[in-house]
C-alpha atoms as a PDB file:
ATOM      1  CA  UNK A   1      -4.688 -11.520  24.814  1.00  0.00           C
ATOM      2  CA  UNK A   2      -6.942  -8.594  23.996  1.00  0.00           C
ATOM      3  CA  UNK A   3     -10.703  -8.771  23.526  1.00  0.00           C
ATOM      4  CA  UNK A   4     -11.436  -5.821  21.244  1.00  0.00           C
ATOM      5  CA  UNK A   5     -15.097  -4.783  21.409  1.00  0.00           C
ATOM      6  CA  UNK A   6     -16.039  -2.862  18.281  1.00  0.00           C
ATOM      7  CA  UNK A   7     -19.306  -1.339  17.136  1.00  0.00           C
ATOM      8  CA  UNK A   8     -21.068   1.885  16.298  1.00  0.00           C
ATOM      9  CA  UNK A   9     -20.846   4.831  18.663  1.00  0.00           C
ATOM     10  CA  UNK A  10     -23.624   4.198  21.178  1.00  0.00           C
ATOM     11  CA  UNK A  11     -23.720   0.419  20.675  1.00  0.00           C
ATOM     12  CA  UNK A  12     -22.919  -0.251  24.344  1.00  0.00           C
ATOM     13  CA  UNK A  13     -19.239  -1.171  24.088  1.00  0.00           C
ATOM     14  CA  UNK A  14     -18.103   0.444  27.340  1.00  0.00           C
ATOM     15  CA  UNK A  15     -21.011  -0.957  29.338  1.00  0.00           C
ATOM     16  CA  UNK A  16     -20.373  -4.410  27.927  1.00  0.00           C
ATOM     17  CA  UNK A  17     -16.651  -4.138  28.698  1.00  0.00           C
ATOM     18  CA  UNK A  18     -17.303  -3.286  32.333  1.00  0.00           C
ATOM     19  CA  UNK A  19     -19.573  -6.333  32.644  1.00  0.00           C
ATOM     20  CA  UNK A  20     -17.109  -8.530  30.757  1.00  0.00           C
ATOM     21  CA  UNK A  21     -14.204  -8.097  33.146  1.00  0.00           C
ATOM     22  CA  UNK A  22     -16.354  -9.844  35.779  1.00  0.00           C
ATOM     23  CA  UNK A  23     -16.811 -12.824  33.462  1.00  0.00           C
ATOM     24  CA  UNK A  24     -13.271 -13.326  32.102  1.00  0.00           C
ATOM     25  CA  UNK A  25     -10.762 -14.321  34.791  1.00  0.00           C
ATOM     26  CA  UNK A  26      -7.743 -12.054  35.274  1.00  0.00           C
ATOM     27  CA  UNK A  27      -9.026  -9.401  32.879  1.00  0.00           C
ATOM     28  CA  UNK A  28      -8.485  -5.645  32.952  1.00  0.00           C
ATOM     29  CA  UNK A  29     -10.377  -2.805  31.291  1.00  0.00           C
ATOM     30  CA  UNK A  30      -8.226  -0.958  28.738  1.00  0.00           C
ATOM     31  CA  UNK A  31      -9.963   2.064  27.208  1.00  0.00           C
ATOM     32  CA  UNK A  32      -7.999   3.485  24.238  1.00  0.00           C
ATOM     33  CA  UNK A  33     -10.200   6.577  24.405  1.00  0.00           C
ATOM     34  CA  UNK A  34      -8.190   7.680  27.435  1.00  0.00           C
ATOM     35  CA  UNK A  35      -5.122   7.850  25.191  1.00  0.00           C
ATOM     36  CA  UNK A  36      -7.098  10.052  22.812  1.00  0.00           C
ATOM     37  CA  UNK A  37      -8.040  12.338  25.685  1.00  0.00           C
ATOM     38  CA  UNK A  38      -4.386  12.549  26.640  1.00  0.00           C
ATOM     39  CA  UNK A  39      -3.539  13.899  23.189  1.00  0.00           C
ATOM     40  CA  UNK A  40      -5.122  17.219  24.204  1.00  0.00           C
ATOM     41  CA  UNK A  41      -2.405  17.583  26.858  1.00  0.00           C
ATOM     42  CA  UNK A  42       0.496  16.130  24.863  1.00  0.00           C
ATOM     43  CA  UNK A  43       0.185  17.761  21.443  1.00  0.00           C
ATOM     44  CA  UNK A  44       0.090  21.410  20.375  1.00  0.00           C
ATOM     45  CA  UNK A  45      -3.365  22.749  19.540  1.00  0.00           C
ATOM     46  CA  UNK A  46      -2.203  23.390  15.967  1.00  0.00           C
ATOM     47  CA  UNK A  47      -1.474  19.687  15.439  1.00  0.00           C
ATOM     48  CA  UNK A  48      -4.802  18.652  16.946  1.00  0.00           C
ATOM     49  CA  UNK A  49      -6.627  21.079  14.659  1.00  0.00           C
ATOM     50  CA  UNK A  50      -5.155  19.315  11.620  1.00  0.00           C
ATOM     51  CA  UNK A  51      -7.220  16.159  12.213  1.00  0.00           C
ATOM     52  CA  UNK A  52     -10.927  15.599  12.666  1.00  0.00           C
ATOM     53  CA  UNK A  53     -10.510  12.614  14.995  1.00  0.00           C
ATOM     54  CA  UNK A  54      -7.687  11.631  17.327  1.00  0.00           C
ATOM     55  CA  UNK A  55      -7.656   8.217  15.628  1.00  0.00           C
ATOM     56  CA  UNK A  56      -6.188  10.028  12.613  1.00  0.00           C
ATOM     57  CA  UNK A  57      -3.077  10.782  14.669  1.00  0.00           C
ATOM     58  CA  UNK A  58      -0.324   8.200  14.063  1.00  0.00           C
ATOM     59  CA  UNK A  59       0.864   8.788  17.639  1.00  0.00           C
ATOM     60  CA  UNK A  60      -2.517   7.617  18.981  1.00  0.00           C
ATOM     61  CA  UNK A  61      -2.378   4.363  17.035  1.00  0.00           C
ATOM     62  CA  UNK A  62       1.209   3.709  18.143  1.00  0.00           C
ATOM     63  CA  UNK A  63       0.443   4.509  21.774  1.00  0.00           C
ATOM     64  CA  UNK A  64      -2.538   2.146  21.753  1.00  0.00           C
ATOM     65  CA  UNK A  65      -0.177  -0.684  20.799  1.00  0.00           C
ATOM     66  CA  UNK A  66       2.605   0.382  23.157  1.00  0.00           C
ATOM     67  CA  UNK A  67       0.245   0.918  26.104  1.00  0.00           C
ATOM     68  CA  UNK A  68      -1.523  -2.398  25.603  1.00  0.00           C
ATOM     69  CA  UNK A  69       1.817  -4.211  25.458  1.00  0.00           C
ATOM     70  CA  UNK A  70       3.020  -2.442  28.611  1.00  0.00           C
ATOM     71  CA  UNK A  71      -0.190  -3.241  30.488  1.00  0.00           C
ATOM     72  CA  UNK A  72      -0.001  -6.909  29.574  1.00  0.00           C
ATOM     73  CA  UNK A  73       3.667  -7.030  30.585  1.00  0.00           C
ATOM     74  CA  UNK A  74       2.732  -5.483  33.937  1.00  0.00           C
ATOM     75  CA  UNK A  75      -0.540  -7.298  34.651  1.00  0.00           C
ATOM     76  CA  UNK A  76      -0.711 -10.340  32.396  1.00  0.00           C
ATOM     77  CA  UNK A  77      -4.068 -11.908  31.677  1.00  0.00           C
ATOM     78  CA  UNK A  78      -6.583 -10.350  29.303  1.00  0.00           C
ATOM     79  CA  UNK A  79      -7.254  -6.757  28.286  1.00  0.00           C
ATOM     80  CA  UNK A  80     -10.814  -5.785  27.355  1.00  0.00           C
ATOM     81  CA  UNK A  81     -10.732  -2.836  24.929  1.00  0.00           C
ATOM     82  CA  UNK A  82     -14.012  -1.115  24.027  1.00  0.00           C
ATOM     83  CA  UNK A  83     -13.191   1.028  20.986  1.00  0.00           C
ATOM     84  CA  UNK A  84     -14.885   1.854  17.710  1.00  0.00           C
ATOM     85  CA  UNK A  85     -12.609   1.222  14.721  1.00  0.00           C
ATOM     86  CA  UNK A  86     -14.292   1.998  11.407  1.00  0.00           C
ATOM     87  CA  UNK A  87     -11.213   2.385   9.201  1.00  0.00           C
ATOM     88  CA  UNK A  88      -9.793  -0.901   8.028  1.00  0.00           C
ATOM     89  CA  UNK A  89      -6.281   0.498   7.616  1.00  0.00           C
ATOM     90  CA  UNK A  90      -6.299   1.685  11.241  1.00  0.00           C
ATOM     91  CA  UNK A  91      -7.527  -1.731  12.380  1.00  0.00           C
ATOM     92  CA  UNK A  92      -4.745  -3.314  10.333  1.00  0.00           C
ATOM     93  CA  UNK A  93      -2.103  -1.004  11.787  1.00  0.00           C
ATOM     94  CA  UNK A  94      -3.156  -1.542  15.411  1.00  0.00           C
ATOM     95  CA  UNK A  95      -3.813  -5.279  15.212  1.00  0.00           C
ATOM     96  CA  UNK A  96      -0.644  -5.727  13.153  1.00  0.00           C
ATOM     97  CA  UNK A  97       1.362  -3.835  15.764  1.00  0.00           C
ATOM     98  CA  UNK A  98      -0.080  -6.044  18.482  1.00  0.00           C
ATOM     99  CA  UNK A  99       0.683  -9.144  16.411  1.00  0.00           C
ATOM    100  CA  UNK A 100       4.314  -8.005  16.192  1.00  0.00           C
ATOM    101  CA  UNK A 101       4.382  -8.141  20.003  1.00  0.00           C
ATOM    102  CA  UNK A 102       2.879 -11.650  19.898  1.00  0.00           C
ATOM    103  CA  UNK A 103      -0.379 -10.344  21.379  1.00  0.00           C
ATOM    104  CA  UNK A 104      -3.485 -12.151  20.126  1.00  0.00           C
ATOM    105  CA  UNK A 105      -6.615 -10.081  19.472  1.00  0.00           C
ATOM    106  CA  UNK A 106     -10.166 -11.441  19.602  1.00  0.00           C
ATOM    107  CA  UNK A 107     -12.288  -8.989  17.591  1.00  0.00           C
ATOM    108  CA  UNK A 108     -15.976  -8.803  18.531  1.00  0.00           C
ATOM    109  CA  UNK A 109     -18.589  -6.580  16.882  1.00  0.00           C
ATOM    110  CA  UNK A 110     -21.708  -5.491  18.777  1.00  0.00           C
ATOM    111  CA  UNK A 111     -24.350  -5.059  16.069  1.00  0.00           C
ATOM    112  CA  UNK A 112     -27.852  -3.993  17.159  1.00  0.00           C
ATOM    113  CA  UNK A 113     -30.443  -3.280  14.484  1.00  0.00           C
ATOM    114  CA  UNK A 114     -30.305   0.336  13.310  1.00  0.00           C
ATOM    115  CA  UNK A 115     -33.670   1.239  14.861  1.00  0.00           C
ATOM    116  CA  UNK A 116     -32.505  -0.135  18.216  1.00  0.00           C
ATOM    117  CA  UNK A 117     -29.192   1.687  17.902  1.00  0.00           C
ATOM    118  CA  UNK A 118     -30.945   4.995  17.262  1.00  0.00           C
ATOM    119  CA  UNK A 119     -33.258   4.428  20.240  1.00  0.00           C
ATOM    120  CA  UNK A 120     -30.314   3.732  22.518  1.00  0.00           C
ATOM    121  CA  UNK A 121     -28.446   6.813  21.320  1.00  0.00           C
ATOM    122  CA  UNK A 122     -31.548   8.964  21.870  1.00  0.00           C
ATOM    123  CA  UNK A 123     -31.813   7.699  25.459  1.00  0.00           C
ATOM    124  CA  UNK A 124     -28.135   8.121  26.261  1.00  0.00           C
ATOM    125  CA  UNK A 125     -27.052  10.705  28.838  1.00  0.00           C
ATOM    126  CA  UNK A 126     -23.301  10.835  28.471  1.00  0.00           C
ATOM    127  CA  UNK A 127     -23.113  13.832  30.840  1.00  0.00           C
ATOM    128  CA  UNK A 128     -26.017  13.640  33.326  1.00  0.00           C
ATOM    129  CA  UNK A 129     -25.202  17.089  34.693  1.00  0.00           C
ATOM    130  CA  UNK A 130     -24.765  18.746  31.299  1.00  0.00           C
ATOM    131  CA  UNK A 131     -27.766  18.428  28.986  1.00  0.00           C
ATOM    132  CA  UNK A 132     -26.148  20.473  26.238  1.00  0.00           C
ATOM    133  CA  UNK A 133     -22.994  18.337  26.132  1.00  0.00           C
ATOM    134  CA  UNK A 134     -25.074  15.147  26.222  1.00  0.00           C
ATOM    135  CA  UNK A 135     -27.064  16.353  23.231  1.00  0.00           C
ATOM    136  CA  UNK A 136     -23.840  17.143  21.371  1.00  0.00           C
ATOM    137  CA  UNK A 137     -22.629  13.584  21.968  1.00  0.00           C
ATOM    138  CA  UNK A 138     -25.944  12.168  20.756  1.00  0.00           C
ATOM    139  CA  UNK A 139     -25.802  14.213  17.553  1.00  0.00           C
ATOM    140  CA  UNK A 140     -22.222  13.118  16.977  1.00  0.00           C
ATOM    141  CA  UNK A 141     -23.129   9.429  17.464  1.00  0.00           C
ATOM    142  CA  UNK A 142     -26.077   9.657  15.068  1.00  0.00           C
ATOM    143  CA  UNK A 143     -23.889  11.435  12.527  1.00  0.00           C
ATOM    144  CA  UNK A 144     -21.474   8.497  12.541  1.00  0.00           C
ATOM    145  CA  UNK A 145     -24.061   5.781  11.885  1.00  0.00           C
ATOM    146  CA  UNK A 146     -23.512   6.138   8.139  1.00  0.00           C
ATOM    147  CA  UNK A 147     -19.755   5.614   8.586  1.00  0.00           C
ATOM    148  CA  UNK A 148     -20.457   2.502  10.619  1.00  0.00           C
ATOM    149  CA  UNK A 149     -22.808   1.098   7.989  1.00  0.00           C
ATOM    150  CA  UNK A 150     -20.220   1.771   5.272  1.00  0.00           C
ATOM    151  CA  UNK A 151     -17.644  -0.209   7.282  1.00  0.00           C
ATOM    152  CA  UNK A 152     -19.948  -3.165   7.967  1.00  0.00           C
ATOM    153  CA  UNK A 153     -18.722  -5.010   4.881  1.00  0.00           C
ATOM    154  CA  UNK A 154     -15.217  -5.571   6.208  1.00  0.00           C
ATOM    155  CA  UNK A 155     -16.217  -5.514   9.880  1.00  0.00           C
ATOM    156  CA  UNK A 156     -18.675  -8.386   9.534  1.00  0.00           C
ATOM    157  CA  UNK A 157     -16.056 -10.420   7.696  1.00  0.00           C
ATOM    158  CA  UNK A 158     -13.324  -9.745  10.241  1.00  0.00           C
ATOM    159  CA  UNK A 159     -15.059  -9.767  13.626  1.00  0.00           C
ATOM    160  CA  UNK A 160     -17.296 -12.175  15.487  1.00  0.00           C
ATOM    161  CA  UNK A 161     -20.705 -10.495  15.198  1.00  0.00           C
ATOM    162  CA  UNK A 162     -23.198 -10.458  18.077  1.00  0.00           C
ATOM    163  CA  UNK A 163     -26.697  -9.120  17.426  1.00  0.00           C
ATOM    164  CA  UNK A 164     -27.423  -7.171  20.603  1.00  0.00           C
ATOM    165  CA  UNK A 165     -30.868  -5.894  19.589  1.00  0.00           C
ATOM    166  CA  UNK A 166     -32.709  -7.930  22.240  1.00  0.00           C
ATOM    167  CA  UNK A 167     -29.953  -8.327  24.815  1.00  0.00           C
ATOM    168  CA  UNK A 168     -29.155  -6.395  27.955  1.00  0.00           C
ATOM    169  CA  UNK A 169     -25.593  -5.475  28.899  1.00  0.00           C
ATOM    170  CA  UNK A 170     -25.035  -8.559  31.092  1.00  0.00           C
ATOM    171  CA  UNK A 171     -26.352 -10.895  28.407  1.00  0.00           C
ATOM    172  CA  UNK A 172     -24.177  -9.246  25.772  1.00  0.00           C
ATOM    173  CA  UNK A 173     -21.119  -9.627  28.005  1.00  0.00           C
ATOM    174  CA  UNK A 174     -22.004 -13.291  28.591  1.00  0.00           C
ATOM    175  CA  UNK A 175     -22.255 -13.831  24.831  1.00  0.00           C
ATOM    176  CA  UNK A 176     -18.837 -12.217  24.296  1.00  0.00           C
ATOM    177  CA  UNK A 177     -17.260 -14.268  27.099  1.00  0.00           C
ATOM    178  CA  UNK A 178     -18.733 -17.462  25.652  1.00  0.00           C
ATOM    179  CA  UNK A 179     -17.455 -16.607  22.149  1.00  0.00           C
ATOM    180  CA  UNK A 180     -13.962 -16.038  23.544  1.00  0.00           C
ATOM    181  CA  UNK A 181     -14.041 -19.208  25.652  1.00  0.00           C
ATOM    182  CA  UNK A 182     -15.281 -21.494  22.861  1.00  0.00           C
ATOM    183  CA  UNK A 183     -13.156 -19.960  20.108  1.00  0.00           C
ATOM    184  CA  UNK A 184     -16.195 -18.717  18.182  1.00  0.00           C
ATOM    185  CA  UNK A 185     -14.381 -15.382  18.307  1.00  0.00           C
ATOM    186  CA  UNK A 186     -11.014 -16.531  16.914  1.00  0.00           C
ATOM    187  CA  UNK A 187      -7.733 -14.694  17.194  1.00  0.00           C
ATOM    188  CA  UNK A 188      -7.219 -12.167  14.401  1.00  0.00           C
ATOM    189  CA  UNK A 189      -5.215 -13.663  11.544  1.00  0.00           C
ATOM    190  CA  UNK A 190      -3.340 -10.434  10.844  1.00  0.00           C
ATOM    191  CA  UNK A 191       0.326 -11.290  11.187  1.00  0.00           C
ATOM    192  CA  UNK A 192       3.467  -9.236  11.442  1.00  0.00           C
ATOM    193  CA  UNK A 193       7.051 -10.084  12.126  1.00  0.00           C
ATOM    194  CA  UNK A 194       8.496  -8.665  15.337  1.00  0.00           C
ATOM    195  CA  UNK A 195       9.749  -5.100  15.090  1.00  0.00           C
ATOM    196  CA  UNK A 196      13.453  -5.091  14.244  1.00  0.00           C
ATOM    197  CA  UNK A 197      15.971  -4.568  16.992  1.00  0.00           C
ATOM    198  CA  UNK A 198      18.711  -3.438  14.610  1.00  0.00           C
ATOM    199  CA  UNK A 199      19.240  -2.317  11.024  1.00  0.00           C
ATOM    200  CA  UNK A 200      17.623  -4.590   8.431  1.00  0.00           C
ATOM    201  CA  UNK A 201      18.251  -5.543   4.808  1.00  0.00           C
ATOM    202  CA  UNK A 202      15.073  -5.685   2.713  1.00  0.00           C
ATOM    203  CA  UNK A 203      14.570  -6.713  -0.917  1.00  0.00           C
ATOM    204  CA  UNK A 204      11.677  -5.532  -3.068  1.00  0.00           C
ATOM    205  CA  UNK A 205      10.838  -6.701  -6.590  1.00  0.00           C
ATOM    206  CA  UNK A 206       9.212  -4.538  -9.256  1.00  0.00           C
ATOM    207  CA  UNK A 207       6.902  -6.481 -11.557  1.00  0.00           C
ATOM    208  CA  UNK A 208       5.334  -4.924 -14.652  1.00  0.00           C
ATOM    209  CA  UNK A 209       2.399  -5.530 -16.978  1.00  0.00           C
ATOM    210  CA  UNK A 210       2.360  -5.086 -20.762  1.00  0.00           C
ATOM    211  CA  UNK A 211       1.806  -1.322 -20.297  1.00  0.00           C
ATOM    212  CA  UNK A 212       4.843  -1.016 -17.989  1.00  0.00           C
ATOM    213  CA  UNK A 213       2.656  -0.334 -14.984  1.00  0.00           C
ATOM    214  CA  UNK A 214       4.223  -1.538 -11.748  1.00  0.00           C
ATOM    215  CA  UNK A 215       2.524  -4.025  -9.421  1.00  0.00           C
ATOM    216  CA  UNK A 216       1.889  -2.692  -5.904  1.00  0.00           C
ATOM    217  CA  UNK A 217       0.431  -4.550  -2.934  1.00  0.00           C
ATOM    218  CA  UNK A 218      -1.651  -3.279  -0.012  1.00  0.00           C
ATOM    219  CA  UNK A 219      -0.378  -4.798   3.268  1.00  0.00           C
ATOM    220  CA  UNK A 220      -2.795  -5.415   6.132  1.00  0.00           C
ATOM    221  CA  UNK A 221      -0.134  -4.814   8.761  1.00  0.00           C
ATOM    222  CA  UNK A 222       1.068  -1.292   7.913  1.00  0.00           C
ATOM    223  CA  UNK A 223      -0.322   1.840   6.231  1.00  0.00           C
ATOM    224  CA  UNK A 224       0.318   2.617   2.590  1.00  0.00           C
ATOM    225  CA  UNK A 225       0.960   0.498  -0.482  1.00  0.00           C
ATOM    226  CA  UNK A 226       4.222  -1.353  -0.955  1.00  0.00           C
ATOM    227  CA  UNK A 227       6.290  -3.378  -3.418  1.00  0.00           C
ATOM    228  CA  UNK A 228       6.281  -7.173  -3.198  1.00  0.00           C
ATOM    229  CA  UNK A 229       9.226  -8.169  -1.033  1.00  0.00           C
ATOM    230  CA  UNK A 230      10.410  -8.277   2.524  1.00  0.00           C
ATOM    231  CA  UNK A 231      13.294  -8.660   4.954  1.00  0.00           C
ATOM    232  CA  UNK A 232      16.255 -10.752   3.820  1.00  0.00           C
ATOM    233  CA  UNK A 233      16.746 -13.648   6.189  1.00  0.00           C
ATOM    234  CA  UNK A 234      20.087 -14.489   7.782  1.00  0.00           C
ATOM    235  CA  UNK A 235      22.364 -16.211   5.247  1.00  0.00           C
ATOM    236  CA  UNK A 236      20.000 -15.497   2.324  1.00  0.00           C
ATOM    237  CA  UNK A 237      21.003 -13.852  -0.956  1.00  0.00           C
ATOM    238  CA  UNK A 238      18.987 -10.613  -1.391  1.00  0.00           C
ATOM    239  CA  UNK A 239      17.775 -11.360  -4.926  1.00  0.00           C
ATOM    240  CA  UNK A 240      16.701 -14.843  -3.840  1.00  0.00           C
ATOM    241  CA  UNK A 241      14.892 -13.298  -0.885  1.00  0.00           C
ATOM    242  CA  UNK A 242      12.951 -11.110  -3.297  1.00  0.00           C
ATOM    243  CA  UNK A 243      12.031 -14.162  -5.389  1.00  0.00           C
ATOM    244  CA  UNK A 244      10.911 -16.023  -2.262  1.00  0.00           C
ATOM    245  CA  UNK A 245       8.746 -13.132  -1.130  1.00  0.00           C
ATOM    246  CA  UNK A 246       7.103 -12.815  -4.570  1.00  0.00           C
ATOM    247  CA  UNK A 247       6.223 -16.509  -4.442  1.00  0.00           C
ATOM    248  CA  UNK A 248       4.911 -16.284  -0.866  1.00  0.00           C
ATOM    249  CA  UNK A 249       2.955 -13.056  -1.348  1.00  0.00           C
ATOM    250  CA  UNK A 250       1.629 -13.462  -4.891  1.00  0.00           C
ATOM    251  CA  UNK A 251       1.932 -17.132  -5.748  1.00  0.00           C
ATOM    252  CA  UNK A 252       4.214 -16.251  -8.694  1.00  0.00           C
ATOM    253  CA  UNK A 253       7.417 -18.219  -9.225  1.00  0.00           C
ATOM    254  CA  UNK A 254      10.090 -16.136 -10.956  1.00  0.00           C
ATOM    255  CA  UNK A 255      12.290 -18.308 -13.149  1.00  0.00           C
ATOM    256  CA  UNK A 256      15.198 -15.868 -13.470  1.00  0.00           C
ATOM    257  CA  UNK A 257      17.134 -14.013 -10.791  1.00  0.00           C
ATOM    258  CA  UNK A 258      15.992 -10.363 -11.010  1.00  0.00           C
ATOM    259  CA  UNK A 259      18.417  -7.554 -11.851  1.00  0.00           C
ATOM    260  CA  UNK A 260      19.353  -5.009  -9.182  1.00  0.00           C
ATOM    261  CA  UNK A 261      18.017  -1.492  -9.842  1.00  0.00           C
ATOM    262  CA  UNK A 262      18.992   0.454  -6.749  1.00  0.00           C
ATOM    263  CA  UNK A 263      20.357   0.393  -3.241  1.00  0.00           C
ATOM    264  CA  UNK A 264      18.854   2.897  -0.817  1.00  0.00           C
ATOM    265  CA  UNK A 265      20.202   3.524   2.665  1.00  0.00           C
ATOM    266  CA  UNK A 266      17.313   4.320   4.989  1.00  0.00           C
ATOM    267  CA  UNK A 267      18.590   6.300   7.984  1.00  0.00           C
ATOM    268  CA  UNK A 268      17.394   5.382  11.476  1.00  0.00           C
ATOM    269  CA  UNK A 269      14.316   7.310  12.577  1.00  0.00           C
ATOM    270  CA  UNK A 270      13.392   6.225  16.115  1.00  0.00           C
ATOM    271  CA  UNK A 271      11.711   3.965  16.904  1.00  0.00           C
ATOM    272  CA  UNK A 272      12.827   2.511  13.541  1.00  0.00           C
ATOM    273  CA  UNK A 273      16.426   1.375  12.944  1.00  0.00           C
ATOM    274  CA  UNK A 274      16.620   1.876   9.178  1.00  0.00           C
ATOM    275  CA  UNK A 275      18.965  -0.178   7.001  1.00  0.00           C
ATOM    276  CA  UNK A 276      19.504  -1.040   3.348  1.00  0.00           C
ATOM    277  CA  UNK A 277      16.570  -1.289   0.910  1.00  0.00           C
ATOM    278  CA  UNK A 278      17.177  -2.997  -2.436  1.00  0.00           C
ATOM    279  CA  UNK A 279      14.862  -2.921  -5.435  1.00  0.00           C
ATOM    280  CA  UNK A 280      15.125  -5.498  -8.219  1.00  0.00           C
ATOM    281  CA  UNK A 281      13.614  -5.642 -11.703  1.00  0.00           C
ATOM    282  CA  UNK A 282      11.392  -8.724 -11.878  1.00  0.00           C
ATOM    283  CA  UNK A 283      10.474  -7.965 -15.486  1.00  0.00           C
ATOM    284  CA  UNK A 284       7.150  -8.058 -17.289  1.00  0.00           C
ATOM    285  CA  UNK A 285       4.613 -10.598 -16.108  1.00  0.00           C
ATOM    286  CA  UNK A 286       2.862 -12.707 -18.715  1.00  0.00           C
ATOM    287  CA  UNK A 287      -0.843 -11.884 -18.762  1.00  0.00           C
ATOM    288  CA  UNK A 288      -1.722 -15.313 -17.406  1.00  0.00           C
ATOM    289  CA  UNK A 289       0.516 -14.864 -14.361  1.00  0.00           C
ATOM    290  CA  UNK A 290      -1.180 -11.605 -13.420  1.00  0.00           C
ATOM    291  CA  UNK A 291      -4.565 -13.291 -13.598  1.00  0.00           C
ATOM    292  CA  UNK A 292      -3.414 -15.991 -11.161  1.00  0.00           C
ATOM    293  CA  UNK A 293      -2.187 -13.700  -8.385  1.00  0.00           C
ATOM    294  CA  UNK A 294      -3.075 -15.240  -5.025  1.00  0.00           C
ATOM    295  CA  UNK A 295      -2.912 -13.104  -1.896  1.00  0.00           C
ATOM    296  CA  UNK A 296      -2.421 -14.352   1.654  1.00  0.00           C
ATOM    297  CA  UNK A 297      -5.400 -12.641   3.300  1.00  0.00           C
ATOM    298  CA  UNK A 298      -3.619 -12.272   6.618  1.00  0.00           C
ATOM    299  CA  UNK A 299      -0.844 -10.165   5.065  1.00  0.00           C
ATOM    300  CA  UNK A 300      -2.090  -8.481   1.890  1.00  0.00           C
ATOM    301  CA  UNK A 301      -5.469  -6.882   1.306  1.00  0.00           C
ATOM    302  CA  UNK A 302      -5.122  -6.212  -2.393  1.00  0.00           C
ATOM    303  CA  UNK A 303      -2.877  -5.597  -5.399  1.00  0.00           C
ATOM    304  CA  UNK A 304      -2.928  -3.286  -8.391  1.00  0.00           C
ATOM    305  CA  UNK A 305      -0.903  -2.340 -11.446  1.00  0.00           C
ATOM    306  CA  UNK A 306      -0.219   1.409 -11.260  1.00  0.00           C
ATOM    307  CA  UNK A 307       1.419   4.043 -13.419  1.00  0.00           C
ATOM    308  CA  UNK A 308       4.187   6.134 -11.904  1.00  0.00           C
ATOM    309  CA  UNK A 309       1.694   8.998 -11.523  1.00  0.00           C
ATOM    310  CA  UNK A 310      -0.852   6.764  -9.786  1.00  0.00           C
ATOM    311  CA  UNK A 311       1.830   5.320  -7.521  1.00  0.00           C
ATOM    312  CA  UNK A 312       2.630   8.829  -6.256  1.00  0.00           C
ATOM    313  CA  UNK A 313      -0.784   8.909  -4.595  1.00  0.00           C
ATOM    314  CA  UNK A 314      -0.576   5.361  -3.244  1.00  0.00           C
ATOM    315  CA  UNK A 315       2.925   4.996  -1.836  1.00  0.00           C
ATOM    316  CA  UNK A 316       4.284   6.819   1.214  1.00  0.00           C
ATOM    317  CA  UNK A 317       6.770   9.513   0.076  1.00  0.00           C
ATOM    318  CA  UNK A 318       9.922   7.538   0.908  1.00  0.00           C
ATOM    319  CA  UNK A 319       8.724   4.509  -1.072  1.00  0.00           C
ATOM    320  CA  UNK A 320       7.601   6.646  -3.983  1.00  0.00           C
ATOM    321  CA  UNK A 321      11.048   8.275  -4.250  1.00  0.00           C
ATOM    322  CA  UNK A 322      12.561   4.805  -4.238  1.00  0.00           C
ATOM    323  CA  UNK A 323      10.214   3.727  -7.042  1.00  0.00           C
ATOM    324  CA  UNK A 324      10.835   6.890  -9.060  1.00  0.00           C
ATOM    325  CA  UNK A 325      14.590   6.370  -9.089  1.00  0.00           C
ATOM    326  CA  UNK A 326      14.259   2.638  -9.685  1.00  0.00           C
ATOM    327  CA  UNK A 327      12.247   3.375 -12.829  1.00  0.00           C
ATOM    328  CA  UNK A 328      14.957   5.776 -14.002  1.00  0.00           C
ATOM    329  CA  UNK A 329      17.583   3.094 -13.380  1.00  0.00           C
ATOM    330  CA  UNK A 330      15.493   0.625 -15.359  1.00  0.00           C
ATOM    331  CA  UNK A 331      15.243   3.048 -18.277  1.00  0.00           C
ATOM    332  CA  UNK A 332      19.011   3.675 -18.270  1.00  0.00           C
ATOM    333  CA  UNK A 333      20.048   0.070 -17.687  1.00  0.00           C
ATOM    334  CA  UNK A 334      22.080   1.076 -14.651  1.00  0.00           C
ATOM    335  CA  UNK A 335      22.165   0.670 -10.859  1.00  0.00           C
ATOM    336  CA  UNK A 336      21.678   3.696  -8.599  1.00  0.00           C
ATOM    337  CA  UNK A 337      23.043   4.278  -5.118  1.00  0.00           C
ATOM    338  CA  UNK A 338      20.701   6.287  -2.867  1.00  0.00           C
ATOM    339  CA  UNK A 339      20.850   7.676   0.632  1.00  0.00           C
ATOM    340  CA  UNK A 340      17.463   8.465   2.157  1.00  0.00           C
ATOM    341  CA  UNK A 341      15.918   8.377  -1.319  1.00  0.00           C
ATOM    342  CA  UNK A 342      18.445  10.717  -2.934  1.00  0.00           C
ATOM    343  CA  UNK A 343      21.058   9.520  -5.497  1.00  0.00           C
ATOM    344  CA  UNK A 344      24.674   9.942  -4.380  1.00  0.00           C
ATOM    345  CA  UNK A 345      28.083   9.189  -5.845  1.00  0.00           C
ATOM    346  CA  UNK A 346      27.535  10.786  -9.240  1.00  0.00           C
ATOM    347  CA  UNK A 347      24.470   8.657 -10.133  1.00  0.00           C
END
């Protein structure tokens, strides 16, 4: 299990974490910031200059998951991770990756009143022997208060919130330990199937509205928008798998087996294994069906009908190419064979 302590920069996460490991048996401090610091030694300066924050590096988010899993395999028990996460998609990616390893996450938010937060930041000496660097850190923390406030909407709904305005570090740690012990801080409900150990077969279904816009969904467990669908289970017909996934993800029961639009071979790209990706034409949804879309909150954050142009800015490039060719196949009434998103075989 991981106890993830979130909050604004300067909210006292690290101090609380150090106190907490004395209160939770068999617990170990796991600071993801150390992985960020390691990026300066692992990546070229040019790559680092492309991002404003190491959290924007996909390698950081993956290493957080991999390192946490390795630590738990080595040590067992509980990891206490003090780390500010203000982007919901990054939280989804990290917690989803941990869920795929069967690692439960208890998400706790330290939330002092803004006036108290500013007072604590002003009094903070991050580098006691370097006044200039300490002042830089203080300015940076104050500059991120607005980002924190903007994220409070989803944070407060996702995490167990502890008002730390009138609490010292030991009392805050005791409150976190009690929330974990009693279940007041429940395990995150973000779910993800285990990462594949071999090539997979996946079936997606394109659903359209009366304007021929395609329905896209926003998964909680991976970045970027996606088509309704998922991995075909052992012994399952691919089209039926697509119908099952549409029902599970959207609450929509398709009455007819959808028509195949394309087959795309996705080459292995370590650590991924690739496999076959099928897209089916689920047809045009009646207006009433679209109004009754029900999302499983643990898997999908949202849905939207999008034009092909809008989808280009929502889907990762490989999925957009798949959509683009699927729409051409739909227009022509044919089936296309793709390799890595490119038609082959005279298509």
